């Protein structure tokens, strides 16, 4: 079960962090302080998911494998939030880069 739940927790953590980093940009009409508090509101559950996933997953995955998953999910989620929430374009070269990152995580995770 850990083999499936831990990556899902890391993915959810990365999605929350991507919204904390970029989500406030869409709402520029609000004050900086409102953006700061909204971002921190998202970061707390992100942190809980991240730490829980790493503590629970160690043994099923190595620390390096979980870090690789988390970094790849983070970049992927930032790209998806940028594309679908902020309406930014993704170039073909960026998509190829994401596929290469995913391949590198597979090489790191699978022993």
N, C-alpha and C. Protein backbone atom coordinates (compact mmCIF):
# COMPACT_ATOMS: atom_id res chain seq x y z
N UNK A 1 0.82 -1.19 0.00
CA UNK A 1 0.00 0.00 0.00
C UNK A 1 0.87 1.26 0.00
N UNK A 2 1.97 1.24 0.76
CA UNK A 2 2.87 2.39 0.79
C UNK A 2 3.41 2.72 -0.59
N UNK A 3 3.62 1.69 -1.40
CA UNK A 3 4.17 1.92 -2.74
C UNK A 3 3.27 2.82 -3.58
N UNK A 4 1.98 2.84 -3.29
CA UNK A 4 1.04 3.65 -4.07
C UNK A 4 0.64 4.93 -3.35
N UNK A 5 0.47 4.86 -2.04
CA UNK A 5 -0.02 6.01 -1.28
C UNK A 5 1.05 7.09 -1.17
N UNK A 6 2.30 6.72 -0.93
CA UNK A 6 3.37 7.70 -0.76
C UNK A 6 3.53 8.58 -2.00
N UNK A 7 3.63 8.03 -3.22
CA UNK A 7 3.71 8.92 -4.39
C UNK A 7 2.48 9.81 -4.55
N UNK A 8 1.29 9.30 -4.21
CA UNK A 8 0.08 10.14 -4.29
C UNK A 8 0.13 11.27 -3.27
N UNK A 9 0.65 10.99 -2.09
CA UNK A 9 0.81 12.04 -1.08
C UNK A 9 1.81 13.08 -1.55
N UNK A 10 2.91 12.64 -2.16
CA UNK A 10 3.91 13.58 -2.67
C UNK A 10 3.34 14.41 -3.82
N UNK A 11 2.53 13.80 -4.66
CA UNK A 11 1.88 14.53 -5.75
C UNK A 11 0.91 15.59 -5.21
N UNK A 12 0.11 15.20 -4.23
CA UNK A 12 -0.83 16.15 -3.62
C UNK A 12 -0.07 17.29 -2.94
N UNK A 13 1.01 16.96 -2.26
CA UNK A 13 1.86 17.96 -1.62
C UNK A 13 2.40 18.94 -2.66
N UNK A 14 2.87 18.43 -3.77
CA UNK A 14 3.43 19.28 -4.83
C UNK A 14 2.36 20.16 -5.45
N UNK A 15 1.15 19.63 -5.60
CA UNK A 15 0.06 20.43 -6.17
C UNK A 15 -0.28 21.60 -5.25
N UNK A 16 -0.35 21.34 -3.95
CA UNK A 16 -0.63 22.42 -3.01
C UNK A 16 0.48 23.47 -3.04
N UNK A 17 1.72 23.02 -3.11
CA UNK A 17 2.84 23.96 -3.12
C UNK A 17 2.83 24.79 -4.40
N UNK A 18 2.50 24.19 -5.52
CA UNK A 18 2.43 24.94 -6.77
C UNK A 18 1.37 26.03 -6.69
N UNK A 19 0.22 25.71 -6.10
CA UNK A 19 -0.81 26.74 -5.93
C UNK A 19 -0.37 27.80 -4.93
N UNK A 20 0.38 27.41 -3.90
CA UNK A 20 0.88 28.39 -2.93
C UNK A 20 1.88 29.33 -3.61
N UNK A 21 2.71 28.79 -4.48
CA UNK A 21 3.72 29.61 -5.17
C UNK A 21 3.10 30.51 -6.23
N UNK A 22 2.15 29.97 -7.01
CA UNK A 22 1.68 30.68 -8.19
C UNK A 22 0.23 31.14 -8.15
N UNK A 23 -0.59 30.53 -7.33
CA UNK A 23 -2.02 30.80 -7.35
C UNK A 23 -2.38 32.24 -7.09
N UNK A 24 -1.64 32.88 -6.21
CA UNK A 24 -1.96 34.27 -5.85
C UNK A 24 -1.74 35.23 -7.02
N UNK A 25 -0.94 34.85 -8.00
CA UNK A 25 -0.67 35.72 -9.15
C UNK A 25 -1.95 36.02 -9.92
N UNK A 26 -2.85 35.06 -9.94
CA UNK A 26 -4.11 35.25 -10.66
C UNK A 26 -5.01 36.29 -9.97
N UNK A 27 -4.78 36.52 -8.70
CA UNK A 27 -5.62 37.42 -7.92
C UNK A 27 -4.83 38.65 -7.49
N UNK A 28 -4.31 39.37 -8.46
CA UNK A 28 -3.48 40.54 -8.19
C UNK A 28 -4.25 41.69 -7.54
N UNK A 29 -5.56 41.66 -7.59
CA UNK A 29 -6.36 42.71 -6.99
C UNK A 29 -6.33 42.69 -5.46
N UNK A 30 -5.94 41.57 -4.90
CA UNK A 30 -5.85 41.47 -3.45
C UNK A 30 -4.50 41.97 -2.97
N UNK A 31 -4.41 42.31 -1.73
CA UNK A 31 -3.17 42.85 -1.18
C UNK A 31 -2.09 41.78 -1.07
N UNK A 32 -0.88 42.26 -0.92
CA UNK A 32 0.26 41.35 -0.72
C UNK A 32 0.04 40.51 0.54
N UNK A 33 -0.46 41.12 1.59
CA UNK A 33 -0.67 40.41 2.85
C UNK A 33 -1.71 39.30 2.67
N UNK A 34 -2.77 39.55 1.90
CA UNK A 34 -3.78 38.52 1.63
C UNK A 34 -3.16 37.37 0.85
N UNK A 35 -2.31 37.68 -0.13
CA UNK A 35 -1.62 36.63 -0.90
C UNK A 35 -0.71 35.82 0.01
N UNK A 36 -0.02 36.50 0.89
CA UNK A 36 0.89 35.82 1.82
C UNK A 36 0.14 34.85 2.72
N UNK A 37 -0.97 35.31 3.30
CA UNK A 37 -1.74 34.44 4.19
C UNK A 37 -2.40 33.29 3.42
N UNK A 38 -2.90 33.56 2.23
CA UNK A 38 -3.49 32.49 1.42
C UNK A 38 -2.45 31.43 1.08
N UNK A 39 -1.25 31.87 0.74
CA UNK A 39 -0.18 30.93 0.42
C UNK A 39 0.19 30.09 1.63
N UNK A 40 0.31 30.72 2.78
CA UNK A 40 0.64 29.98 4.00
C UNK A 40 -0.47 29.04 4.40
N UNK A 41 -1.71 29.40 4.10
CA UNK A 41 -2.85 28.52 4.36
C UNK A 41 -2.71 27.22 3.57
N UNK A 42 -2.16 27.31 2.35
CA UNK A 42 -1.94 26.12 1.52
C UNK A 42 -0.68 25.37 1.91
N UNK A 43 0.30 26.07 2.44
CA UNK A 43 1.59 25.45 2.74
C UNK A 43 1.50 24.51 3.95
N UNK A 44 0.68 24.83 4.93
CA UNK A 44 0.61 23.97 6.11
C UNK A 44 0.16 22.54 5.77
N UNK A 45 -0.97 22.34 5.07
CA UNK A 45 -1.31 20.96 4.71
C UNK A 45 -0.29 20.34 3.74
N UNK A 46 0.34 21.16 2.90
CA UNK A 46 1.39 20.66 2.01
C UNK A 46 2.53 20.09 2.83
N UNK A 47 2.93 20.81 3.84
CA UNK A 47 4.04 20.38 4.68
C UNK A 47 3.68 19.10 5.43
N UNK A 48 2.47 19.02 5.95
CA UNK A 48 2.02 17.82 6.66
C UNK A 48 2.04 16.61 5.72
N UNK A 49 1.53 16.78 4.50
CA UNK A 49 1.56 15.67 3.52
C UNK A 49 3.00 15.26 3.18
N UNK A 50 3.84 16.24 2.96
CA UNK A 50 5.22 15.98 2.56
C UNK A 50 5.98 15.22 3.65
N UNK A 51 5.95 15.72 4.86
CA UNK A 51 6.68 15.09 5.95
C UNK A 51 6.12 13.71 6.25
N UNK A 52 4.79 13.59 6.24
CA UNK A 52 4.17 12.28 6.48
C UNK A 52 4.57 11.28 5.41
N UNK A 53 4.56 11.71 4.16
CA UNK A 53 4.94 10.81 3.06
C UNK A 53 6.39 10.35 3.20
N UNK A 54 7.29 11.27 3.52
CA UNK A 54 8.69 10.90 3.66
C UNK A 54 8.91 9.97 4.85
N UNK A 55 8.25 10.24 5.97
CA UNK A 55 8.44 9.38 7.15
C UNK A 55 7.81 8.01 6.92
N UNK A 56 6.63 8.00 6.31
CA UNK A 56 5.92 6.75 6.10
C UNK A 56 6.56 5.94 4.97
N UNK A 57 7.07 6.63 3.97
CA UNK A 57 7.59 5.93 2.79
C UNK A 57 9.01 5.43 2.92
N UNK A 58 9.76 5.94 3.91
CA UNK A 58 11.15 5.50 4.04
C UNK A 58 11.17 4.03 4.42
N UNK A 59 11.85 3.27 3.67
CA UNK A 59 11.86 1.81 3.81
C UNK A 59 11.27 1.19 2.56
N UNK A 60 10.10 1.68 2.16
CA UNK A 60 9.53 1.25 0.88
C UNK A 60 10.29 1.92 -0.26
N UNK A 61 10.72 3.16 -0.02
CA UNK A 61 11.53 3.92 -0.97
C UNK A 61 12.75 4.47 -0.23
N UNK A 62 13.79 4.73 -0.96
CA UNK A 62 14.94 5.40 -0.36
C UNK A 62 14.65 6.89 -0.25
N UNK A 63 15.42 7.58 0.57
CA UNK A 63 15.26 9.02 0.68
C UNK A 63 15.47 9.71 -0.65
N UNK A 64 16.48 9.26 -1.40
CA UNK A 64 16.76 9.84 -2.70
C UNK A 64 15.63 9.61 -3.69
N UNK A 65 15.01 8.43 -3.65
CA UNK A 65 13.91 8.13 -4.56
C UNK A 65 12.71 9.02 -4.25
N UNK A 66 12.41 9.20 -2.96
CA UNK A 66 11.28 10.05 -2.60
C UNK A 66 11.57 11.51 -2.95
N UNK A 67 12.81 11.95 -2.75
CA UNK A 67 13.17 13.32 -3.12
C UNK A 67 13.05 13.53 -4.62
N UNK A 68 13.47 12.53 -5.41
CA UNK A 68 13.36 12.63 -6.87
C UNK A 68 11.90 12.72 -7.30
N UNK A 69 11.05 11.90 -6.68
CA UNK A 69 9.61 11.97 -7.01
C UNK A 69 9.06 13.34 -6.65
N UNK A 70 9.40 13.82 -5.47
CA UNK A 70 8.88 15.09 -5.00
C UNK A 70 9.32 16.24 -5.91
N UNK A 71 10.58 16.25 -6.31
CA UNK A 71 11.07 17.31 -7.20
C UNK A 71 10.39 17.25 -8.57
N UNK A 72 10.25 16.05 -9.12
CA UNK A 72 9.62 15.91 -10.43
C UNK A 72 8.15 16.32 -10.35
N UNK A 73 7.44 15.85 -9.32
CA UNK A 73 6.04 16.24 -9.15
C UNK A 73 5.92 17.75 -8.98
N UNK A 74 6.87 18.34 -8.25
CA UNK A 74 6.84 19.78 -8.02
C UNK A 74 6.93 20.57 -9.31
N UNK A 75 7.88 20.20 -10.16
CA UNK A 75 8.04 20.90 -11.44
C UNK A 75 6.83 20.66 -12.33
N UNK A 76 6.33 19.44 -12.35
CA UNK A 76 5.15 19.12 -13.16
C UNK A 76 3.94 19.93 -12.68
N UNK A 77 3.73 20.00 -11.38
CA UNK A 77 2.58 20.73 -10.85
C UNK A 77 2.70 22.23 -11.12
N UNK A 78 3.91 22.78 -11.01
CA UNK A 78 4.10 24.20 -11.34
C UNK A 78 3.75 24.43 -12.80
N UNK A 79 4.17 23.54 -13.68
CA UNK A 79 3.86 23.68 -15.10
C UNK A 79 2.35 23.59 -15.34
N UNK A 80 1.68 22.66 -14.67
CA UNK A 80 0.23 22.50 -14.86
C UNK A 80 -0.54 23.69 -14.31
N UNK A 81 -0.13 24.19 -13.15
CA UNK A 81 -0.80 25.37 -12.59
C UNK A 81 -0.57 26.58 -13.51
N UNK A 82 0.66 26.71 -13.99
CA UNK A 82 0.96 27.81 -14.92
C UNK A 82 0.09 27.72 -16.17
N UNK A 83 -0.06 26.52 -16.69
CA UNK A 83 -0.81 26.33 -17.93
C UNK A 83 -2.31 26.50 -17.74
N UNK A 84 -2.87 25.76 -16.78
CA UNK A 84 -4.33 25.69 -16.69
C UNK A 84 -4.94 26.70 -15.73
N UNK A 85 -4.20 27.20 -14.76
CA UNK A 85 -4.75 28.17 -13.82
C UNK A 85 -4.39 29.59 -14.22
N UNK A 86 -3.16 29.76 -14.73
CA UNK A 86 -2.72 31.10 -15.14
C UNK A 86 -2.85 31.33 -16.64
N UNK A 87 -3.11 30.27 -17.41
CA UNK A 87 -3.30 30.41 -18.85
C UNK A 87 -2.02 30.59 -19.65
N UNK A 88 -0.88 30.22 -19.10
CA UNK A 88 0.39 30.35 -19.82
C UNK A 88 0.58 29.18 -20.78
N UNK A 89 1.36 29.39 -21.81
CA UNK A 89 1.61 28.35 -22.82
C UNK A 89 2.79 27.47 -22.38
N UNK A 90 2.73 26.21 -22.79
CA UNK A 90 3.85 25.28 -22.61
C UNK A 90 4.43 24.98 -23.98
N UNK A 91 5.71 25.18 -24.12
CA UNK A 91 6.38 24.89 -25.39
C UNK A 91 6.64 23.39 -25.51
N UNK A 92 6.79 22.92 -26.73
CA UNK A 92 7.09 21.50 -26.96
C UNK A 92 8.37 21.10 -26.24
N UNK A 93 9.35 21.98 -26.26
CA UNK A 93 10.63 21.68 -25.61
C UNK A 93 10.45 21.48 -24.11
N UNK A 94 9.55 22.25 -23.50
CA UNK A 94 9.28 22.07 -22.08
C UNK A 94 8.61 20.72 -21.82
N UNK A 95 7.69 20.35 -22.69
CA UNK A 95 7.00 19.07 -22.53
C UNK A 95 8.00 17.92 -22.65
N UNK A 96 8.91 18.01 -23.60
CA UNK A 96 9.96 16.99 -23.74
C UNK A 96 10.81 16.96 -22.47
N UNK A 97 11.13 18.12 -21.93
CA UNK A 97 11.89 18.17 -20.68
C UNK A 97 11.18 17.47 -19.54
N UNK A 98 9.86 17.66 -19.44
CA UNK A 98 9.09 16.99 -18.39
C UNK A 98 9.10 15.47 -18.58
N UNK A 99 9.01 15.03 -19.82
CA UNK A 99 9.07 13.59 -20.09
C UNK A 99 10.44 13.02 -19.71
N UNK A 100 11.49 13.76 -20.00
CA UNK A 100 12.83 13.32 -19.61
C UNK A 100 12.98 13.27 -18.09
N UNK A 101 12.39 14.25 -17.41
CA UNK A 101 12.42 14.24 -15.94
C UNK A 101 11.68 13.02 -15.40
N UNK A 102 10.54 12.72 -15.98
CA UNK A 102 9.77 11.56 -15.54
C UNK A 102 10.58 10.29 -15.76
N UNK A 103 11.27 10.19 -16.89
CA UNK A 103 12.12 9.01 -17.15
C UNK A 103 13.24 8.93 -16.13
N UNK A 104 13.81 10.07 -15.75
CA UNK A 104 14.89 10.04 -14.77
C UNK A 104 14.38 9.58 -13.41
N UNK A 105 13.17 9.98 -13.04
CA UNK A 105 12.61 9.52 -11.76
C UNK A 105 12.39 8.02 -11.79
N UNK A 106 11.89 7.50 -12.90
CA UNK A 106 11.69 6.06 -13.02
C UNK A 106 13.02 5.34 -12.85
N UNK A 107 14.08 5.86 -13.46
CA UNK A 107 15.40 5.24 -13.32
C UNK A 107 15.90 5.30 -11.87
N UNK A 108 15.58 6.35 -11.15
CA UNK A 108 16.02 6.49 -9.76
C UNK A 108 15.20 5.61 -8.83
N UNK A 109 13.90 5.55 -9.04
CA UNK A 109 13.00 4.86 -8.12
C UNK A 109 13.08 3.35 -8.27
N UNK A 110 13.11 2.87 -9.50
CA UNK A 110 13.11 1.41 -9.74
C UNK A 110 14.53 0.89 -9.51
N UNK A 111 14.61 -0.06 -8.62
CA UNK A 111 15.93 -0.64 -8.30
C UNK A 111 16.17 -1.91 -9.07
